[in-house]
Amino acid sequence: MDMLRITDLHKRFGDKEVLRGLDLSVPEHSVFGFIGQNGAGKTTTMKTVLGLLKADSGEICVNGERVVYGQTATNRYIGYLPDVPEFYAFMNASEYLDFCGEISGMSKRETAKRRDELLELVGLAGETHRVGGYSRGMKQRLGIAQALLGSPKLLICDEPTSALDPVGRKEILDILLAVREQTTVLFSTHILTDVERICSDVAFLNNGVVEIQGSMSEIKTRFRIDGYRLETANEADRDAIRRAFPTVKAEEGNVLTLTEQDTPMFDVLRFIAEQRIPLLKWERCEPTLESLFMEVTKK
């Protein structure tokens, strides 16, 4: 089942068409990376899902229920973490979650139970300092706890790691991965290493449309190149292979790459065996998110 399905979504601001027929399917209990350059339309898409912006046309369904602008009934399924969450600086973490539970209609008992569970999950259990003194990473962790307070079926995070240091990024990614069994996670980002680390599914947004989407394994299989990368022990051996096979390409150091259509793999292996050339590495070239992203954004 798809927890989120978007069909032919259009949105224009003045003379600028931000979304141009966007289609997106987010499977239930996936960690879904929504990839795009800054300004590609990621935040516009998320705000439209939340009913904060009115689509010009198209349809959005959350948990099988249609999103209607101005009637945010579907938001009962959603937890949301904006890119820069705001808090009441005079509260501590427990007080803030108690406040969020009260205004959302949760009972005090239910709020207290979820509050304690979530503060433990995000590493803020026992934290008594005021939120005004929190680091950016601590605020992001509290923001995730707030977004999960109502046990949502879909957690939407807008650039949750973009302004964090490596330690803070790791903490947030670990939390998002840990909640996968509880909820579906959709997070927008332009940091490809974050996606590679935790995502089961991914979509590439470019110029208002999704160019590529699917599971990580499906995408890597679909765009697999019949190519290989090898590394020789020294420069002389590298040059000998290049002289024998001019279509083999040199990379940094003693690394060479070849594609099966230009240079038959077994011909190269036979030459290496006959010349007794020692290899440090021989591996199939797998498509990377970076290479796919660059290909998409050049269109």
C-alpha atoms as a PDB file:
ATOM      1  CA  MET A   1       0.000   0.000   0.000  1.00  0.00           C
ATOM      2  CA  ASP A   2       1.137   3.554  -0.738  1.00  0.00           C
ATOM      3  CA  MET A   3       0.958   5.787   2.322  1.00  0.00           C
ATOM      4  CA  LEU A   4       1.241   8.845   0.060  1.00  0.00           C
ATOM      5  CA  ARG A   5       0.207   9.065  -3.584  1.00  0.00           C
ATOM      6  CA  ILE A   6       0.445  12.234  -5.674  1.00  0.00           C
ATOM      7  CA  THR A   7      -0.966  12.345  -9.201  1.00  0.00           C
ATOM      8  CA  ASP A   8      -0.363  15.018 -11.849  1.00  0.00           C
ATOM      9  CA  LEU A   9       0.229  17.819  -9.327  1.00  0.00           C
ATOM     10  CA  HIS A  10       0.551  21.361 -10.689  1.00  0.00           C
ATOM     11  CA  LYS A  11       1.362  24.536  -8.760  1.00  0.00           C
ATOM     12  CA  ARG A  12       2.210  27.979 -10.100  1.00  0.00           C
ATOM     13  CA  PHE A  13       3.341  31.132  -8.304  1.00  0.00           C
ATOM     14  CA  GLY A  14       2.712  34.052 -10.641  1.00  0.00           C
ATOM     15  CA  ASP A  15       4.470  33.301 -13.922  1.00  0.00           C
ATOM     16  CA  LYS A  16       6.645  30.565 -12.395  1.00  0.00           C
ATOM     17  CA  GLU A  17       5.371  26.992 -12.644  1.00  0.00           C
ATOM     18  CA  VAL A  18       6.983  25.194  -9.712  1.00  0.00           C
ATOM     19  CA  LEU A  19       5.246  21.811 -10.030  1.00  0.00           C
ATOM     20  CA  ARG A  20       4.533  20.605 -13.571  1.00  0.00           C
ATOM     21  CA  GLY A  21       2.577  17.374 -13.295  1.00  0.00           C
ATOM     22  CA  LEU A  22       4.360  15.731 -10.380  1.00  0.00           C
ATOM     23  CA  ASP A  23       3.644  12.039  -9.722  1.00  0.00           C
ATOM     24  CA  LEU A  24       4.903  10.389  -6.546  1.00  0.00           C
ATOM     25  CA  SER A  25       4.220   7.127  -4.692  1.00  0.00           C
ATOM     26  CA  VAL A  26       5.568   6.567  -1.179  1.00  0.00           C
ATOM     27  CA  PRO A  27       5.200   2.945   0.039  1.00  0.00           C
ATOM     28  CA  GLU A  28       4.053   2.262   3.595  1.00  0.00           C
ATOM     29  CA  HIS A  29       6.863   1.833   6.150  1.00  0.00           C
ATOM     30  CA  SER A  30       9.525   3.022   3.716  1.00  0.00           C
ATOM     31  CA  VAL A  31      12.220   5.595   4.434  1.00  0.00           C
ATOM     32  CA  PHE A  32      11.745   7.683   1.320  1.00  0.00           C
ATOM     33  CA  GLY A  33      14.338  10.180   0.109  1.00  0.00           C
ATOM     34  CA  PHE A  34      12.880  13.088  -1.868  1.00  0.00           C
ATOM     35  CA  ILE A  35      15.912  14.443  -3.715  1.00  0.00           C
ATOM     36  CA  GLY A  36      16.209  17.733  -5.545  1.00  0.00           C
ATOM     37  CA  GLN A  37      18.249  20.884  -5.853  1.00  0.00           C
ATOM     38  CA  ASN A  38      17.342  23.885  -3.740  1.00  0.00           C
ATOM     39  CA  GLY A  39      14.332  25.486  -5.404  1.00  0.00           C
ATOM     40  CA  ALA A  40      13.286  22.292  -7.199  1.00  0.00           C
ATOM     41  CA  GLY A  41       9.853  22.262  -5.526  1.00  0.00           C
ATOM     42  CA  LYS A  42      10.365  19.906  -2.600  1.00  0.00           C
ATOM     43  CA  THR A  43       8.991  22.252   0.067  1.00  0.00           C
ATOM     44  CA  THR A  44       6.106  23.313  -2.188  1.00  0.00           C
ATOM     45  CA  THR A  45       5.169  19.652  -2.608  1.00  0.00           C
ATOM     46  CA  MET A  46       5.255  19.015   1.133  1.00  0.00           C
ATOM     47  CA  LYS A  47       3.202  22.092   1.999  1.00  0.00           C
ATOM     48  CA  THR A  48       0.618  21.051  -0.576  1.00  0.00           C
ATOM     49  CA  VAL A  49       0.450  17.571   0.991  1.00  0.00           C
ATOM     50  CA  LEU A  50      -0.159  19.276   4.346  1.00  0.00           C
ATOM     51  CA  GLY A  51      -2.966  21.383   2.885  1.00  0.00           C
ATOM     52  CA  LEU A  52      -1.044  24.605   3.524  1.00  0.00           C
ATOM     53  CA  LEU A  53      -0.929  25.433  -0.192  1.00  0.00           C
ATOM     54  CA  LYS A  54      -3.693  24.965  -2.747  1.00  0.00           C
ATOM     55  CA  ALA A  55      -2.753  22.945  -5.805  1.00  0.00           C
ATOM     56  CA  ASP A  56      -3.754  24.335  -9.184  1.00  0.00           C
ATOM     57  CA  SER A  57      -4.649  20.787 -10.245  1.00  0.00           C
ATOM     58  CA  GLY A  58      -3.885  17.180  -9.436  1.00  0.00           C
ATOM     59  CA  GLU A  59      -4.708  14.833  -6.582  1.00  0.00           C
ATOM     60  CA  ILE A  60      -3.008  13.926  -3.300  1.00  0.00           C
ATOM     61  CA  CYS A  61      -4.023  10.964  -1.139  1.00  0.00           C
ATOM     62  CA  VAL A  62      -2.661  10.192   2.337  1.00  0.00           C
ATOM     63  CA  ASN A  63      -3.451   6.750   3.748  1.00  0.00           C
ATOM     64  CA  GLY A  64      -6.031   6.364   0.976  1.00  0.00           C
ATOM     65  CA  GLU A  65      -7.824   9.619   1.854  1.00  0.00           C
ATOM     66  CA  ARG A  66      -7.879  12.620  -0.471  1.00  0.00           C
ATOM     67  CA  VAL A  67      -6.219  15.851   0.696  1.00  0.00           C
ATOM     68  CA  VAL A  68      -8.518  18.873   0.436  1.00  0.00           C
ATOM     69  CA  TYR A  69      -7.116  22.402   0.793  1.00  0.00           C
ATOM     70  CA  GLY A  70      -8.607  24.196   3.778  1.00  0.00           C
ATOM     71  CA  GLN A  71      -9.906  20.934   5.243  1.00  0.00           C
ATOM     72  CA  THR A  72      -6.913  19.297   6.893  1.00  0.00           C
ATOM     73  CA  ALA A  73      -8.559  16.063   8.022  1.00  0.00           C
ATOM     74  CA  THR A  74      -5.730  14.053   6.456  1.00  0.00           C
ATOM     75  CA  ASN A  75      -3.241  15.807   8.720  1.00  0.00           C
ATOM     76  CA  ARG A  76      -4.328  13.491  11.538  1.00  0.00           C
ATOM     77  CA  TYR A  77      -2.170  10.903   9.751  1.00  0.00           C
ATOM     78  CA  ILE A  78       0.849  13.216   9.409  1.00  0.00           C
ATOM     79  CA  GLY A  79       3.693  14.410  11.616  1.00  0.00           C
ATOM     80  CA  TYR A  80       5.703  17.325  10.192  1.00  0.00           C
ATOM     81  CA  LEU A  81       9.193  18.646  10.873  1.00  0.00           C
ATOM     82  CA  PRO A  82       9.968  21.888   8.980  1.00  0.00           C
ATOM     83  CA  ASP A  83      13.518  22.741   7.965  1.00  0.00           C
ATOM     84  CA  VAL A  84      13.789  25.307  10.790  1.00  0.00           C
ATOM     85  CA  PRO A  85      11.456  24.269  13.643  1.00  0.00           C
ATOM     86  CA  GLU A  86      10.422  26.974  16.105  1.00  0.00           C
ATOM     87  CA  PHE A  87       9.785  26.470  19.819  1.00  0.00           C
ATOM     88  CA  TYR A  88       8.840  28.452  22.907  1.00  0.00           C
ATOM     89  CA  ALA A  89      12.297  29.221  24.262  1.00  0.00           C
ATOM     90  CA  PHE A  90      11.203  29.370  27.914  1.00  0.00           C
ATOM     91  CA  MET A  91       9.991  25.757  27.955  1.00  0.00           C
ATOM     92  CA  ASN A  92      12.043  22.623  28.427  1.00  0.00           C
ATOM     93  CA  ALA A  93      11.551  19.529  26.249  1.00  0.00           C
ATOM     94  CA  SER A  94       8.999  17.846  28.531  1.00  0.00           C
ATOM     95  CA  GLU A  95       6.959  21.009  28.939  1.00  0.00           C
ATOM     96  CA  TYR A  96       6.918  21.602  25.206  1.00  0.00           C
ATOM     97  CA  LEU A  97       5.665  18.088  24.401  1.00  0.00           C
ATOM     98  CA  ASP A  98       3.045  18.345  27.151  1.00  0.00           C
ATOM     99  CA  PHE A  99       1.881  21.601  25.569  1.00  0.00           C
ATOM    100  CA  CYS A 100       1.729  20.016  22.088  1.00  0.00           C
ATOM    101  CA  GLY A 101      -0.267  17.086  23.457  1.00  0.00           C
ATOM    102  CA  GLU A 102      -2.755  19.425  25.137  1.00  0.00           C
ATOM    103  CA  ILE A 103      -3.432  21.579  22.071  1.00  0.00           C
ATOM    104  CA  SER A 104      -3.828  18.498  19.880  1.00  0.00           C
ATOM    105  CA  GLY A 105      -6.461  16.987  22.174  1.00  0.00           C
ATOM    106  CA  MET A 106      -4.443  14.118  23.635  1.00  0.00           C
ATOM    107  CA  SER A 107      -5.184  13.008  27.178  1.00  0.00           C
ATOM    108  CA  LYS A 108      -2.614  13.835  29.855  1.00  0.00           C
ATOM    109  CA  ARG A 109      -1.949  10.146  30.435  1.00  0.00           C
ATOM    110  CA  GLU A 110      -1.421   9.428  26.742  1.00  0.00           C
ATOM    111  CA  THR A 111       0.765  12.516  26.342  1.00  0.00           C
ATOM    112  CA  ALA A 112       2.960  11.593  29.307  1.00  0.00           C
ATOM    113  CA  LYS A 113       3.470   8.057  27.990  1.00  0.00           C
ATOM    114  CA  ARG A 114       4.365   9.184  24.475  1.00  0.00           C
ATOM    115  CA  ARG A 115       6.487  12.069  25.803  1.00  0.00           C
ATOM    116  CA  ASP A 116       8.685   9.777  27.857  1.00  0.00           C
ATOM    117  CA  GLU A 117       9.036   7.240  25.033  1.00  0.00           C
ATOM    118  CA  LEU A 118       9.972   9.882  22.474  1.00  0.00           C
ATOM    119  CA  LEU A 119      12.391  11.819  24.657  1.00  0.00           C
ATOM    120  CA  GLU A 120      14.192   8.525  25.248  1.00  0.00           C
ATOM    121  CA  LEU A 121      14.169   7.808  21.511  1.00  0.00           C
ATOM    122  CA  VAL A 122      15.657  11.179  20.524  1.00  0.00           C
ATOM    123  CA  GLY A 123      18.185  11.299  23.363  1.00  0.00           C
ATOM    124  CA  LEU A 124      16.601  14.093  25.389  1.00  0.00           C
ATOM    125  CA  ALA A 125      15.336  12.080  28.359  1.00  0.00           C
ATOM    126  CA  GLY A 126      16.197  13.904  31.574  1.00  0.00           C
ATOM    127  CA  GLU A 127      17.049  17.136  29.708  1.00  0.00           C
ATOM    128  CA  THR A 128      15.837  19.998  31.920  1.00  0.00           C
ATOM    129  CA  HIS A 129      17.432  23.001  30.202  1.00  0.00           C
ATOM    130  CA  ARG A 130      15.258  25.531  28.388  1.00  0.00           C
ATOM    131  CA  VAL A 131      14.839  25.066  24.644  1.00  0.00           C
ATOM    132  CA  GLY A 132      16.262  28.541  24.070  1.00  0.00           C
ATOM    133  CA  GLY A 133      19.699  27.177  24.981  1.00  0.00           C
ATOM    134  CA  TYR A 134      19.522  24.112  22.707  1.00  0.00           C
ATOM    135  CA  SER A 135      21.911  23.500  19.847  1.00  0.00           C
ATOM    136  CA  ARG A 136      20.526  23.137  16.313  1.00  0.00           C
ATOM    137  CA  GLY A 137      20.854  19.366  16.569  1.00  0.00           C
ATOM    138  CA  MET A 138      18.964  19.226  19.873  1.00  0.00           C
ATOM    139  CA  LYS A 139      16.167  21.325  18.383  1.00  0.00           C
ATOM    140  CA  GLN A 140      15.907  18.995  15.413  1.00  0.00           C
ATOM    141  CA  ARG A 141      15.672  16.015  17.765  1.00  0.00           C
ATOM    142  CA  LEU A 142      12.947  17.727  19.778  1.00  0.00           C
ATOM    143  CA  GLY A 143      11.200  18.581  16.509  1.00  0.00           C
ATOM    144  CA  ILE A 144      11.130  14.907  15.548  1.00  0.00           C
ATOM    145  CA  ALA A 145       9.719  14.007  18.977  1.00  0.00           C
ATOM    146  CA  GLN A 146       6.973  16.615  18.529  1.00  0.00           C
ATOM    147  CA  ALA A 147       6.191  15.342  15.004  1.00  0.00           C
ATOM    148  CA  LEU A 148       5.865  11.769  16.314  1.00  0.00           C
ATOM    149  CA  LEU A 149       3.813  12.646  19.395  1.00  0.00           C
ATOM    150  CA  GLY A 150       0.461  11.756  17.831  1.00  0.00           C
ATOM    151  CA  SER A 151       1.742   8.433  16.424  1.00  0.00           C
ATOM    152  CA  PRO A 152       1.412   9.552  12.780  1.00  0.00           C
ATOM    153  CA  LYS A 153       1.296   7.132   9.867  1.00  0.00           C
ATOM    154  CA  LEU A 154       3.471   9.501   7.788  1.00  0.00           C
ATOM    155  CA  LEU A 155       6.406  11.557   9.076  1.00  0.00           C
ATOM    156  CA  ILE A 156       7.416  14.401   6.733  1.00  0.00           C
ATOM    157  CA  CYS A 157      10.791  16.051   7.306  1.00  0.00           C
ATOM    158  CA  ASP A 158      11.944  19.019   5.229  1.00  0.00           C
ATOM    159  CA  GLU A 159      15.752  19.121   4.944  1.00  0.00           C
ATOM    160  CA  PRO A 160      16.221  17.738   8.497  1.00  0.00           C
ATOM    161  CA  THR A 161      20.040  17.510   8.330  1.00  0.00           C
ATOM    162  CA  SER A 162      21.020  20.381   6.036  1.00  0.00           C
ATOM    163  CA  ALA A 163      22.455  22.700   8.718  1.00  0.00           C
ATOM    164  CA  LEU A 164      23.922  20.088  11.058  1.00  0.00           C
ATOM    165  CA  ASP A 165      27.484  18.986  11.666  1.00  0.00           C
ATOM    166  CA  PRO A 166      28.426  15.335  10.929  1.00  0.00           C
ATOM    167  CA  VAL A 167      27.617  14.195  14.483  1.00  0.00           C
ATOM    168  CA  GLY A 168      24.229  15.923  14.453  1.00  0.00           C
ATOM    169  CA  ARG A 169      23.413  14.505  11.024  1.00  0.00           C
ATOM    170  CA  LYS A 170      24.213  10.979  12.173  1.00  0.00           C
ATOM    171  CA  GLU A 171      21.978  11.378  15.225  1.00  0.00           C
ATOM    172  CA  ILE A 172      19.007  12.543  13.151  1.00  0.00           C
ATOM    173  CA  LEU A 173      19.465   9.839  10.517  1.00  0.00           C
ATOM    174  CA  ASP A 174      19.680   7.148  13.195  1.00  0.00           C
ATOM    175  CA  ILE A 175      16.383   8.370  14.660  1.00  0.00           C
ATOM    176  CA  LEU A 176      14.642   8.405  11.267  1.00  0.00           C
ATOM    177  CA  LEU A 177      15.829   4.878  10.588  1.00  0.00           C
ATOM    178  CA  ALA A 178      14.703   3.709  14.041  1.00  0.00           C
ATOM    179  CA  VAL A 179      11.092   4.904  13.584  1.00  0.00           C
ATOM    180  CA  ARG A 180      10.572   3.078  10.294  1.00  0.00           C
ATOM    181  CA  GLU A 181       8.601   0.293  11.978  1.00  0.00           C
ATOM    182  CA  GLN A 182       6.250   2.845  13.543  1.00  0.00           C
ATOM    183  CA  THR A 183       5.654   5.130  10.570  1.00  0.00           C
ATOM    184  CA  THR A 184       6.468   5.915   6.952  1.00  0.00           C
ATOM    185  CA  VAL A 185       9.245   8.499   6.654  1.00  0.00           C
ATOM    186  CA  LEU A 186       9.455  11.011   3.799  1.00  0.00           C
ATOM    187  CA  PHE A 187      12.307  13.453   3.947  1.00  0.00           C
ATOM    188  CA  SER A 188      13.483  15.970   1.403  1.00  0.00           C
ATOM    189  CA  THR A 189      17.173  16.587   0.969  1.00  0.00           C
ATOM    190  CA  HIS A 190      19.970  17.448  -1.417  1.00  0.00           C
ATOM    191  CA  ILE A 191      22.544  15.561   0.681  1.00  0.00           C
ATOM    192  CA  LEU A 192      22.945  12.328  -1.260  1.00  0.00           C
ATOM    193  CA  THR A 193      25.048  10.525   1.342  1.00  0.00           C
ATOM    194  CA  ASP A 194      22.145  10.801   3.793  1.00  0.00           C
ATOM    195  CA  VAL A 195      19.844   9.107   1.294  1.00  0.00           C
ATOM    196  CA  GLU A 196      22.324   6.315   0.554  1.00  0.00           C
ATOM    197  CA  ARG A 197      22.715   5.629   4.240  1.00  0.00           C
ATOM    198  CA  ILE A 198      19.103   5.101   5.347  1.00  0.00           C
ATOM    199  CA  CYS A 199      16.640   5.181   2.440  1.00  0.00           C
ATOM    200  CA  SER A 200      14.807   2.185   1.055  1.00  0.00           C
ATOM    201  CA  ASP A 201      13.165   4.250  -1.706  1.00  0.00           C
ATOM    202  CA  VAL A 202      13.988   7.459  -3.529  1.00  0.00           C
ATOM    203  CA  ALA A 203      12.639   9.997  -6.020  1.00  0.00           C
ATOM    204  CA  PHE A 204      14.565  12.613  -8.018  1.00  0.00           C
ATOM    205  CA  LEU A 205      12.716  15.915  -8.471  1.00  0.00           C
ATOM    206  CA  ASN A 206      13.821  18.206 -11.299  1.00  0.00           C
ATOM    207  CA  ASN A 207      12.046  21.217 -12.791  1.00  0.00           C
ATOM    208  CA  GLY A 208       8.788  20.378 -11.080  1.00  0.00           C
ATOM    209  CA  VAL A 209       8.512  16.729 -12.120  1.00  0.00           C
ATOM    210  CA  VAL A 210       9.797  13.448 -10.703  1.00  0.00           C
ATOM    211  CA  GLU A 211      12.327  12.109 -13.205  1.00  0.00           C
ATOM    212  CA  ILE A 212      13.209   8.850 -11.439  1.00  0.00           C
ATOM    213  CA  GLN A 213      11.589   7.001  -8.539  1.00  0.00           C
ATOM    214  CA  GLY A 214      11.588   3.531  -7.042  1.00  0.00           C
ATOM    215  CA  SER A 215      13.360   1.398  -4.488  1.00  0.00           C
ATOM    216  CA  MET A 216      17.115   1.857  -4.187  1.00  0.00           C
ATOM    217  CA  SER A 217      17.740  -1.685  -5.438  1.00  0.00           C
ATOM    218  CA  GLU A 218      15.393  -1.266  -8.421  1.00  0.00           C
ATOM    219  CA  ILE A 219      16.991   1.998  -9.463  1.00  0.00           C
ATOM    220  CA  LYS A 220      20.517   0.650  -9.242  1.00  0.00           C
ATOM    221  CA  THR A 221      19.487  -2.376 -11.282  1.00  0.00           C
ATOM    222  CA  ARG A 222      17.657  -0.280 -13.874  1.00  0.00           C
ATOM    223  CA  PHE A 223      20.574   2.080 -14.431  1.00  0.00           C
ATOM    224  CA  ARG A 224      23.351  -0.463 -14.043  1.00  0.00           C
ATOM    225  CA  ILE A 225      26.214  -0.005 -16.483  1.00  0.00           C
ATOM    226  CA  ASP A 226      28.016  -2.994 -17.972  1.00  0.00           C
ATOM    227  CA  GLY A 227      31.287  -1.532 -16.832  1.00  0.00           C
ATOM    228  CA  TYR A 228      34.189  -2.423 -14.581  1.00  0.00           C
ATOM    229  CA  ARG A 229      36.806  -0.662 -12.508  1.00  0.00           C
ATOM    230  CA  LEU A 230      40.265  -2.112 -11.951  1.00  0.00           C
ATOM    231  CA  GLU A 231      43.353  -0.949 -10.126  1.00  0.00           C
ATOM    232  CA  THR A 232      46.907  -2.018 -10.891  1.00  0.00           C
ATOM    233  CA  ALA A 233      49.786  -2.169  -8.456  1.00  0.00           C
ATOM    234  CA  ASN A 234      51.906   0.311 -10.393  1.00  0.00           C
ATOM    235  CA  GLU A 235      51.887   2.879 -13.174  1.00  0.00           C
ATOM    236  CA  ALA A 236      53.772   0.706 -15.665  1.00  0.00           C
ATOM    237  CA  ASP A 237      51.118  -2.018 -15.566  1.00  0.00           C
ATOM    238  CA  ARG A 238      48.373   0.570 -15.887  1.00  0.00           C
ATOM    239  CA  ASP A 239      50.026   2.021 -19.006  1.00  0.00           C
ATOM    240  CA  ALA A 240      50.537  -1.454 -20.512  1.00  0.00           C
ATOM    241  CA  ILE A 241      46.797  -2.143 -20.293  1.00  0.00           C
ATOM    242  CA  ARG A 242      45.967   1.227 -21.819  1.00  0.00           C
ATOM    243  CA  ARG A 243      48.319   0.657 -24.748  1.00  0.00           C
ATOM    244  CA  ALA A 244      46.720  -2.725 -25.434  1.00  0.00           C
ATOM    245  CA  PHE A 245      43.176  -1.361 -25.040  1.00  0.00           C
ATOM    246  CA  PRO A 246      42.940   2.343 -25.996  1.00  0.00           C
ATOM    247  CA  THR A 247      39.236   2.474 -25.101  1.00  0.00           C
ATOM    248  CA  VAL A 248      40.005   1.814 -21.426  1.00  0.00           C
ATOM    249  CA  LYS A 249      39.797   5.091 -19.495  1.00  0.00           C
ATOM    250  CA  ALA A 250      42.252   6.242 -16.842  1.00  0.00           C
ATOM    251  CA  GLU A 251      41.095   7.687 -13.537  1.00  0.00           C
ATOM    252  CA  GLU A 252      43.034   9.016 -10.567  1.00  0.00           C
ATOM    253  CA  GLY A 253      46.050   6.958  -9.547  1.00  0.00           C
ATOM    254  CA  ASN A 254      46.362   3.539 -11.171  1.00  0.00           C
ATOM    255  CA  VAL A 255      42.617   3.057 -11.599  1.00  0.00           C
ATOM    256  CA  LEU A 256      41.138   2.164 -14.991  1.00  0.00           C
ATOM    257  CA  THR A 257      37.518   1.837 -16.111  1.00  0.00           C
ATOM    258  CA  LEU A 258      36.062  -0.007 -19.069  1.00  0.00           C
ATOM    259  CA  THR A 259      32.626  -0.664 -20.520  1.00  0.00           C
ATOM    260  CA  GLU A 260      31.713  -4.024 -22.006  1.00  0.00           C
ATOM    261  CA  GLN A 261      30.453  -2.482 -25.239  1.00  0.00           C
ATOM    262  CA  ASP A 262      33.778  -0.736 -25.890  1.00  0.00           C
ATOM    263  CA  THR A 263      36.212  -3.207 -24.368  1.00  0.00           C
ATOM    264  CA  PRO A 264      35.241  -6.871 -23.858  1.00  0.00           C
ATOM    265  CA  MET A 265      35.968  -7.797 -20.264  1.00  0.00           C
ATOM    266  CA  PHE A 266      37.359 -11.262 -21.041  1.00  0.00           C
ATOM    267  CA  ASP A 267      39.843  -9.824 -23.545  1.00  0.00           C
ATOM    268  CA  VAL A 268      41.239  -7.587 -20.820  1.00  0.00           C
ATOM    269  CA  LEU A 269      41.333 -10.411 -18.294  1.00  0.00           C
ATOM    270  CA  ARG A 270      43.137 -12.662 -20.781  1.00  0.00           C
ATOM    271  CA  PHE A 271      45.755  -9.952 -21.404  1.00  0.00           C
ATOM    272  CA  ILE A 272      46.242  -9.406 -17.654  1.00  0.00           C
ATOM    273  CA  ALA A 273      46.704 -13.140 -17.101  1.00  0.00           C
ATOM    274  CA  GLU A 274      49.144 -13.530 -20.027  1.00  0.00           C
ATOM    275  CA  GLN A 275      51.215 -10.558 -18.898  1.00  0.00           C
ATOM    276  CA  ARG A 276      51.006 -11.636 -15.249  1.00  0.00           C
ATOM    277  CA  ILE A 277      49.860  -8.210 -14.144  1.00  0.00           C
ATOM    278  CA  PRO A 278      48.895  -8.142 -10.442  1.00  0.00           C
ATOM    279  CA  LEU A 279      45.618  -6.374  -9.681  1.00  0.00           C
ATOM    280  CA  LEU A 280      44.689  -4.639  -6.463  1.00  0.00           C
ATOM    281  CA  LYS A 281      41.020  -4.360  -7.430  1.00  0.00           C
ATOM    282  CA  TRP A 282      38.492  -5.545  -9.989  1.00  0.00           C
ATOM    283  CA  GLU A 283      34.844  -4.605  -9.495  1.00  0.00           C
ATOM    284  CA  ARG A 284      31.647  -3.925 -11.377  1.00  0.00           C
ATOM    285  CA  CYS A 285      30.753  -0.250 -11.676  1.00  0.00           C
ATOM    286  CA  GLU A 286      27.486   0.447  -9.871  1.00  0.00           C
ATOM    287  CA  PRO A 287      25.481   3.610 -10.581  1.00  0.00           C
ATOM    288  CA  THR A 288      25.720   6.114  -7.720  1.00  0.00           C
ATOM    289  CA  LEU A 289      23.066   8.535  -6.572  1.00  0.00           C
ATOM    290  CA  GLU A 290      25.480  11.332  -7.413  1.00  0.00           C
ATOM    291  CA  SER A 291      25.862  10.195 -11.024  1.00  0.00           C
ATOM    292  CA  LEU A 292      22.088   9.754 -11.404  1.00  0.00           C
ATOM    293  CA  PHE A 293      21.424  13.139  -9.790  1.00  0.00           C
ATOM    294  CA  MET A 294      23.868  14.870 -12.127  1.00  0.00           C
ATOM    295  CA  GLU A 295      22.286  13.141 -15.110  1.00  0.00           C
ATOM    296  CA  VAL A 296      18.800  14.207 -14.034  1.00  0.00           C
ATOM    297  CA  THR A 297      19.673  17.836 -13.299  1.00  0.00           C
ATOM    298  CA  LYS A 298      21.409  18.287 -16.659  1.00  0.00           C
ATOM    299  CA  LYS A 299      18.194  17.571 -18.548  1.00  0.00           C
END
